[in-house]
Amino acid sequence: SGVPGGAGHQEAQGWMEVYNRSFCQPKEMLVPVSEEHPAEVEHLLAPSCVPLRRCAGCCADEGLQCVPTRMHVVVMEVMGGRAGGERNLAFVEHSACECRPSCPPCSDKRRRQDPQTCQCRCRRRSQHCQDRGLELNEHSCR
């Protein structure tokens, strides 16, 4: 019996190959620019998402999650924004990952979890507020 859409018999991928490809590690993913730069959400940017290496994959235990242990910054050119034309934006890529105990979710939607410390931090960055002549209140995230 064949797989729907498959072409007859196909050799199965070996267990080790499947395991190695599915285990917790940095993988290229498409990440929306607005997720990394919320201040840019009001501007049309092209592309609207960028390829970044991010931790993803399976851990041996359900109580563990795949989190970054080393990160670095990459700068990518996008089109659009306030002034139009080309501009450079910085993005964080994950260089190494590890399976660590899962963190409880943040109760406040204005906060995002830091996977390395399990602390809930403001989604907005202080730079977002400074660009508008304001200061971020870390307590209220406004």
N, C-alpha and C. Protein backbone atom coordinates (compact mmCIF):
# COMPACT_ATOMS: atom_id res chain seq x y z
N SER A 1 0.84 -1.19 0.00
CA SER A 1 0.00 0.00 0.00
C SER A 1 0.88 1.25 0.00
N GLY A 2 0.53 2.22 -0.80
CA GLY A 2 1.34 3.42 -0.93
C GLY A 2 0.86 4.54 -0.04
N VAL A 3 1.66 5.55 0.06
CA VAL A 3 1.32 6.75 0.81
C VAL A 3 0.53 7.66 -0.13
N PRO A 4 -0.55 8.30 0.35
CA PRO A 4 -1.30 9.19 -0.54
C PRO A 4 -0.36 10.21 -1.19
N GLY A 5 -0.43 10.30 -2.51
CA GLY A 5 0.42 11.23 -3.23
C GLY A 5 1.82 10.69 -3.47
N GLY A 6 2.14 9.52 -2.92
CA GLY A 6 3.47 8.94 -3.07
C GLY A 6 3.59 8.20 -4.38
N ALA A 7 4.81 7.92 -4.79
CA ALA A 7 5.05 7.20 -6.04
C ALA A 7 5.59 5.82 -5.73
N GLY A 8 4.69 4.87 -5.44
CA GLY A 8 5.11 3.50 -5.19
C GLY A 8 5.91 3.35 -3.92
N HIS A 9 6.87 2.40 -3.94
CA HIS A 9 7.70 2.14 -2.76
C HIS A 9 8.84 3.14 -2.69
N GLN A 10 9.04 3.66 -1.51
CA GLN A 10 10.14 4.59 -1.28
C GLN A 10 10.89 4.10 -0.06
N GLU A 11 12.21 4.19 -0.10
CA GLU A 11 13.01 3.71 1.03
C GLU A 11 12.80 4.61 2.24
N ALA A 12 12.59 4.00 3.39
CA ALA A 12 12.37 4.76 4.63
C ALA A 12 13.66 5.43 5.07
N GLN A 13 13.53 6.63 5.61
CA GLN A 13 14.69 7.31 6.20
C GLN A 13 15.08 6.57 7.46
N GLY A 14 16.36 6.43 7.68
CA GLY A 14 16.85 5.72 8.86
C GLY A 14 16.53 6.45 10.15
N TRP A 15 16.39 5.69 11.24
CA TRP A 15 16.03 6.26 12.54
C TRP A 15 17.00 7.35 12.97
N MET A 16 18.30 7.10 12.81
CA MET A 16 19.31 8.06 13.26
C MET A 16 19.18 9.38 12.50
N GLU A 17 18.94 9.30 11.19
CA GLU A 17 18.77 10.51 10.38
C GLU A 17 17.53 11.29 10.85
N VAL A 18 16.44 10.58 11.06
CA VAL A 18 15.20 11.23 11.52
C VAL A 18 15.43 11.87 12.89
N TYR A 19 16.06 11.15 13.79
CA TYR A 19 16.34 11.66 15.14
C TYR A 19 17.22 12.91 15.07
N ASN A 20 18.32 12.83 14.32
CA ASN A 20 19.25 13.96 14.22
C ASN A 20 18.59 15.19 13.61
N ARG A 21 17.69 15.01 12.67
CA ARG A 21 17.03 16.16 12.03
C ARG A 21 15.93 16.74 12.90
N SER A 22 15.38 15.94 13.82
CA SER A 22 14.25 16.42 14.63
C SER A 22 14.67 16.91 16.01
N PHE A 23 15.90 16.63 16.43
CA PHE A 23 16.34 17.00 17.77
C PHE A 23 16.53 18.51 17.88
N CYS A 24 16.44 19.02 19.09
CA CYS A 24 16.59 20.44 19.43
C CYS A 24 17.90 21.01 18.85
N GLN A 25 17.78 21.97 17.93
CA GLN A 25 18.95 22.59 17.30
C GLN A 25 18.51 23.84 16.55
N PRO A 26 19.47 24.73 16.20
CA PRO A 26 19.09 25.90 15.40
C PRO A 26 18.65 25.46 14.00
N LYS A 27 17.50 25.95 13.58
CA LYS A 27 16.97 25.64 12.25
C LYS A 27 16.54 26.95 11.60
N GLU A 28 16.67 27.02 10.28
CA GLU A 28 16.23 28.23 9.59
C GLU A 28 14.71 28.29 9.60
N MET A 29 14.19 29.43 10.07
CA MET A 29 12.74 29.64 10.14
C MET A 29 12.43 31.01 9.58
N LEU A 30 11.23 31.18 9.05
CA LEU A 30 10.80 32.50 8.59
C LEU A 30 10.12 33.19 9.76
N VAL A 31 10.65 34.35 10.15
CA VAL A 31 10.16 35.09 11.32
C VAL A 31 9.61 36.43 10.83
N PRO A 32 8.36 36.79 11.20
CA PRO A 32 7.82 38.09 10.80
C PRO A 32 8.67 39.24 11.36
N VAL A 33 8.98 40.22 10.51
CA VAL A 33 9.78 41.37 10.94
C VAL A 33 9.06 42.08 12.09
N SER A 34 7.73 42.15 12.04
CA SER A 34 6.96 42.84 13.08
C SER A 34 7.10 42.18 14.45
N GLU A 35 7.42 40.88 14.48
CA GLU A 35 7.61 40.17 15.74
C GLU A 35 8.90 40.63 16.42
N GLU A 36 9.91 40.92 15.63
CA GLU A 36 11.21 41.34 16.15
C GLU A 36 11.31 42.85 16.31
N HIS A 37 10.57 43.57 15.49
CA HIS A 37 10.59 45.04 15.51
C HIS A 37 9.15 45.55 15.56
N PRO A 38 8.49 45.45 16.74
CA PRO A 38 7.08 45.85 16.84
C PRO A 38 6.83 47.31 16.47
N ALA A 39 7.83 48.17 16.62
CA ALA A 39 7.66 49.59 16.28
C ALA A 39 7.48 49.78 14.78
N GLU A 40 7.89 48.79 13.99
CA GLU A 40 7.80 48.90 12.53
C GLU A 40 6.47 48.39 11.99
N VAL A 41 5.59 47.95 12.88
CA VAL A 41 4.35 47.32 12.43
C VAL A 41 3.48 48.28 11.63
N GLU A 42 3.60 49.59 11.90
CA GLU A 42 2.78 50.54 11.16
C GLU A 42 3.34 50.86 9.77
N HIS A 43 4.53 50.35 9.47
CA HIS A 43 5.16 50.60 8.17
C HIS A 43 5.17 49.32 7.34
N LEU A 44 4.99 49.48 6.05
CA LEU A 44 5.04 48.34 5.15
C LEU A 44 6.50 48.03 4.84
N LEU A 45 6.94 46.83 5.17
CA LEU A 45 8.32 46.43 4.94
C LEU A 45 8.35 45.25 3.98
N ALA A 46 9.38 45.20 3.16
CA ALA A 46 9.56 44.06 2.27
C ALA A 46 11.00 43.56 2.42
N PRO A 47 11.17 42.30 2.69
CA PRO A 47 10.12 41.32 2.91
C PRO A 47 9.46 41.52 4.28
N SER A 48 8.28 40.95 4.46
CA SER A 48 7.58 41.08 5.75
C SER A 48 8.08 40.04 6.76
N CYS A 49 8.83 39.04 6.27
CA CYS A 49 9.44 38.07 7.18
C CYS A 49 10.86 37.79 6.68
N VAL A 50 11.72 37.36 7.59
CA VAL A 50 13.13 37.12 7.25
C VAL A 50 13.56 35.72 7.73
N PRO A 51 14.51 35.11 7.01
CA PRO A 51 14.99 33.78 7.43
C PRO A 51 16.03 33.93 8.56
N LEU A 52 15.72 33.34 9.70
CA LEU A 52 16.62 33.39 10.86
C LEU A 52 16.79 31.99 11.43
N ARG A 53 17.98 31.70 11.95
CA ARG A 53 18.20 30.42 12.62
C ARG A 53 17.68 30.56 14.04
N ARG A 54 16.72 29.70 14.38
CA ARG A 54 16.09 29.72 15.70
C ARG A 54 16.03 28.31 16.25
N CYS A 55 16.06 28.21 17.57
CA CYS A 55 15.99 26.90 18.21
C CYS A 55 14.62 26.27 17.98
N ALA A 56 14.63 25.04 17.55
CA ALA A 56 13.40 24.29 17.33
C ALA A 56 13.75 22.82 17.37
N GLY A 57 12.75 22.02 17.64
CA GLY A 57 12.96 20.59 17.63
C GLY A 57 12.47 19.93 18.90
N CYS A 58 12.65 18.63 18.94
CA CYS A 58 12.12 17.82 20.03
C CYS A 58 13.15 17.61 21.13
N CYS A 59 12.64 17.52 22.35
CA CYS A 59 13.46 17.15 23.51
C CYS A 59 12.99 15.77 23.96
N ALA A 60 13.84 15.05 24.65
CA ALA A 60 13.55 13.67 25.04
C ALA A 60 12.42 13.58 26.07
N ASP A 61 12.13 14.67 26.75
CA ASP A 61 11.14 14.66 27.83
C ASP A 61 10.16 15.80 27.62
N GLU A 62 8.86 15.56 27.86
CA GLU A 62 7.84 16.60 27.67
C GLU A 62 8.01 17.78 28.61
N GLY A 63 8.71 17.59 29.72
CA GLY A 63 8.94 18.66 30.69
C GLY A 63 10.09 19.58 30.29
N LEU A 64 10.71 19.29 29.14
CA LEU A 64 11.82 20.11 28.67
C LEU A 64 11.40 20.88 27.42
N GLN A 65 12.06 22.01 27.21
CA GLN A 65 11.82 22.77 25.98
C GLN A 65 13.15 23.14 25.35
N CYS A 66 13.13 23.32 24.05
CA CYS A 66 14.32 23.66 23.27
C CYS A 66 14.55 25.17 23.35
N VAL A 67 15.64 25.60 23.99
CA VAL A 67 15.91 27.03 24.19
C VAL A 67 17.33 27.38 23.72
N PRO A 68 17.54 28.66 23.33
CA PRO A 68 18.87 29.08 22.90
C PRO A 68 19.85 29.19 24.07
N THR A 69 21.08 28.75 23.84
CA THR A 69 22.14 28.92 24.84
C THR A 69 23.20 29.89 24.35
N ARG A 70 23.25 30.12 23.04
CA ARG A 70 24.15 31.12 22.45
C ARG A 70 23.40 31.83 21.32
N MET A 71 23.57 33.15 21.27
CA MET A 71 22.90 33.94 20.24
C MET A 71 23.88 34.94 19.65
N HIS A 72 23.56 35.43 18.47
CA HIS A 72 24.35 36.49 17.86
C HIS A 72 23.41 37.38 17.03
N VAL A 73 23.88 38.56 16.71
CA VAL A 73 23.07 39.53 15.96
C VAL A 73 23.46 39.50 14.49
N VAL A 74 22.46 39.50 13.62
CA VAL A 74 22.69 39.65 12.18
C VAL A 74 21.94 40.90 11.74
N VAL A 75 22.50 41.60 10.78
CA VAL A 75 21.86 42.80 10.24
C VAL A 75 21.41 42.48 8.82
N MET A 76 20.13 42.78 8.55
CA MET A 76 19.57 42.51 7.23
C MET A 76 18.98 43.78 6.65
N GLU A 77 19.07 43.89 5.34
CA GLU A 77 18.52 45.04 4.64
C GLU A 77 17.07 44.74 4.26
N VAL A 78 16.18 45.65 4.58
CA VAL A 78 14.77 45.54 4.18
C VAL A 78 14.39 46.83 3.47
N MET A 79 13.29 46.79 2.74
CA MET A 79 12.80 47.97 2.03
C MET A 79 11.57 48.50 2.76
N GLY A 80 11.42 49.83 2.75
CA GLY A 80 10.23 50.44 3.33
C GLY A 80 10.54 51.12 4.63
N GLY A 81 9.51 51.30 5.46
CA GLY A 81 9.70 51.99 6.73
C GLY A 81 9.32 53.44 6.62
N ARG A 82 9.63 54.20 7.66
CA ARG A 82 9.25 55.61 7.74
C ARG A 82 9.74 56.42 6.54
N ALA A 83 11.02 56.27 6.23
CA ALA A 83 11.61 57.08 5.16
C ALA A 83 11.48 56.42 3.79
N GLY A 84 11.01 55.18 3.74
CA GLY A 84 10.98 54.45 2.48
C GLY A 84 12.41 54.06 2.12
N GLY A 85 12.59 53.36 1.03
CA GLY A 85 13.93 52.96 0.61
C GLY A 85 14.50 51.85 1.49
N GLU A 86 15.82 51.64 1.36
CA GLU A 86 16.47 50.55 2.08
C GLU A 86 16.84 50.97 3.49
N ARG A 87 16.77 50.02 4.40
CA ARG A 87 17.24 50.27 5.76
C ARG A 87 17.73 48.96 6.36
N ASN A 88 18.64 49.08 7.31
CA ASN A 88 19.21 47.91 7.98
C ASN A 88 18.52 47.69 9.31
N LEU A 89 18.12 46.46 9.56
CA LEU A 89 17.52 46.09 10.85
C LEU A 89 18.32 44.94 11.45
N ALA A 90 18.49 44.98 12.77
CA ALA A 90 19.22 43.93 13.48
C ALA A 90 18.24 42.85 13.96
N PHE A 91 18.66 41.61 13.84
CA PHE A 91 17.86 40.47 14.28
C PHE A 91 18.75 39.53 15.08
N VAL A 92 18.14 38.81 16.01
CA VAL A 92 18.87 37.84 16.83
C VAL A 92 18.72 36.45 16.22
N GLU A 93 19.86 35.79 16.01
CA GLU A 93 19.86 34.40 15.56
C GLU A 93 20.38 33.54 16.69
N HIS A 94 19.94 32.29 16.72
CA HIS A 94 20.39 31.34 17.74
C HIS A 94 21.54 30.52 17.15
N SER A 95 22.66 30.45 17.90
CA SER A 95 23.84 29.70 17.45
C SER A 95 23.88 28.30 18.06
N ALA A 96 23.32 28.14 19.26
CA ALA A 96 23.33 26.85 19.95
C ALA A 96 22.07 26.73 20.80
N CYS A 97 21.60 25.50 20.97
CA CYS A 97 20.36 25.25 21.71
C CYS A 97 20.56 24.11 22.70
N GLU A 98 19.64 24.04 23.65
CA GLU A 98 19.71 23.00 24.67
C GLU A 98 18.29 22.72 25.18
N CYS A 99 18.05 21.49 25.60
CA CYS A 99 16.77 21.14 26.22
C CYS A 99 16.86 21.48 27.71
N ARG A 100 15.97 22.36 28.16
CA ARG A 100 15.94 22.79 29.56
C ARG A 100 14.53 22.69 30.09
N PRO A 101 14.37 22.66 31.43
CA PRO A 101 13.02 22.57 32.00
C PRO A 101 12.12 23.70 31.48
N SER A 102 10.86 23.35 31.19
CA SER A 102 9.88 24.32 30.68
C SER A 102 9.57 25.37 31.72
N CYS A 103 9.32 26.59 31.25
CA CYS A 103 8.96 27.71 32.13
C CYS A 103 7.45 27.87 32.15
N PRO A 104 6.88 28.30 33.28
CA PRO A 104 5.44 28.59 33.29
C PRO A 104 5.17 29.80 32.40
N PRO A 105 4.02 29.85 31.70
CA PRO A 105 3.75 30.97 30.79
C PRO A 105 3.57 32.30 31.54
N CYS A 106 3.83 33.41 30.83
CA CYS A 106 3.63 34.75 31.41
C CYS A 106 2.13 35.04 31.44
N SER A 107 1.66 35.62 32.53
CA SER A 107 0.23 35.92 32.65
C SER A 107 -0.16 37.21 31.93
N ASP A 108 0.78 38.14 31.78
CA ASP A 108 0.52 39.43 31.14
C ASP A 108 0.91 39.36 29.67
N LYS A 109 -0.04 39.67 28.77
CA LYS A 109 0.25 39.57 27.34
C LYS A 109 1.27 40.61 26.86
N ARG A 110 1.55 41.62 27.69
CA ARG A 110 2.58 42.61 27.32
C ARG A 110 3.98 42.08 27.60
N ARG A 111 4.06 40.90 28.20
CA ARG A 111 5.36 40.32 28.55
C ARG A 111 5.63 39.06 27.73
N ARG A 112 6.92 38.84 27.50
CA ARG A 112 7.38 37.66 26.78
C ARG A 112 8.41 36.97 27.66
N GLN A 113 8.45 35.66 27.59
CA GLN A 113 9.35 34.91 28.44
C GLN A 113 10.77 34.88 27.89
N ASP A 114 11.73 35.09 28.76
CA ASP A 114 13.14 34.91 28.40
C ASP A 114 13.42 33.43 28.63
N PRO A 115 13.62 32.64 27.55
CA PRO A 115 13.76 31.19 27.71
C PRO A 115 14.98 30.78 28.52
N GLN A 116 15.97 31.65 28.62
CA GLN A 116 17.18 31.29 29.38
C GLN A 116 17.00 31.46 30.88
N THR A 117 16.17 32.43 31.29
CA THR A 117 16.02 32.71 32.72
C THR A 117 14.63 32.40 33.25
N CYS A 118 13.66 32.13 32.36
CA CYS A 118 12.25 31.92 32.71
C CYS A 118 11.59 33.20 33.24
N GLN A 119 12.26 34.34 33.14
CA GLN A 119 11.66 35.60 33.60
C GLN A 119 10.77 36.17 32.51
N CYS A 120 9.67 36.79 32.93
CA CYS A 120 8.79 37.46 31.99
C CYS A 120 9.28 38.90 31.82
N ARG A 121 9.61 39.26 30.59
CA ARG A 121 10.13 40.60 30.29
C ARG A 121 9.18 41.30 29.33
N CYS A 122 9.23 42.62 29.33
CA CYS A 122 8.38 43.41 28.44
C CYS A 122 8.64 43.04 26.98
N ARG A 123 7.55 42.88 26.21
CA ARG A 123 7.69 42.60 24.77
C ARG A 123 8.32 43.79 24.06
N ARG A 124 7.85 44.98 24.42
CA ARG A 124 8.41 46.19 23.82
C ARG A 124 9.79 46.43 24.38
N ARG A 125 10.66 46.88 23.54
CA ARG A 125 12.02 47.20 23.98
C ARG A 125 12.09 48.67 24.33
N SER A 126 13.00 49.03 25.22
CA SER A 126 13.11 50.43 25.64
C SER A 126 13.43 51.33 24.44
N GLN A 127 14.11 50.78 23.42
CA GLN A 127 14.44 51.58 22.23
C GLN A 127 13.16 52.04 21.53
N HIS A 128 12.13 51.19 21.52
CA HIS A 128 10.84 51.52 20.91
C HIS A 128 10.28 52.79 21.55
N CYS A 129 10.36 52.89 22.87
CA CYS A 129 9.85 54.06 23.59
C CYS A 129 10.75 55.27 23.39
N GLN A 130 12.07 55.05 23.44
CA GLN A 130 13.02 56.15 23.28
C GLN A 130 12.88 56.80 21.91
N ASP A 131 12.57 56.01 20.88
CA ASP A 131 12.36 56.56 19.53
C ASP A 131 11.19 57.53 19.51
N ARG A 132 10.27 57.40 20.46
CA ARG A 132 9.10 58.27 20.54
C ARG A 132 9.25 59.33 21.64
N GLY A 133 10.47 59.43 22.19
CA GLY A 133 10.73 60.42 23.24
C GLY A 133 10.15 60.02 24.58
N LEU A 134 9.92 58.72 24.78
CA LEU A 134 9.34 58.22 26.03
C LEU A 134 10.32 57.27 26.71
N GLU A 135 9.95 56.81 27.89
CA GLU A 135 10.78 55.87 28.62
C GLU A 135 9.92 54.67 29.01
N LEU A 136 10.45 53.46 28.82
CA LEU A 136 9.71 52.24 29.14
C LEU A 136 9.69 52.00 30.64
N ASN A 137 8.49 51.81 31.18
CA ASN A 137 8.33 51.44 32.58
C ASN A 137 8.38 49.91 32.64
N GLU A 138 9.44 49.35 33.19
CA GLU A 138 9.62 47.89 33.24
C GLU A 138 8.56 47.20 34.09
N HIS A 139 7.93 47.94 35.00
CA HIS A 139 6.91 47.35 35.87
C HIS A 139 5.58 47.17 35.13
N SER A 140 5.17 48.21 34.39
CA SER A 140 3.88 48.14 33.69
C SER A 140 4.03 47.78 32.22
N CYS A 141 5.27 47.79 31.71
CA CYS A 141 5.55 47.52 30.29
C CYS A 141 4.85 48.53 29.37
N ARG A 142 4.75 49.79 29.81
CA ARG A 142 4.14 50.85 28.99
C ARG A 142 5.07 52.01 28.88
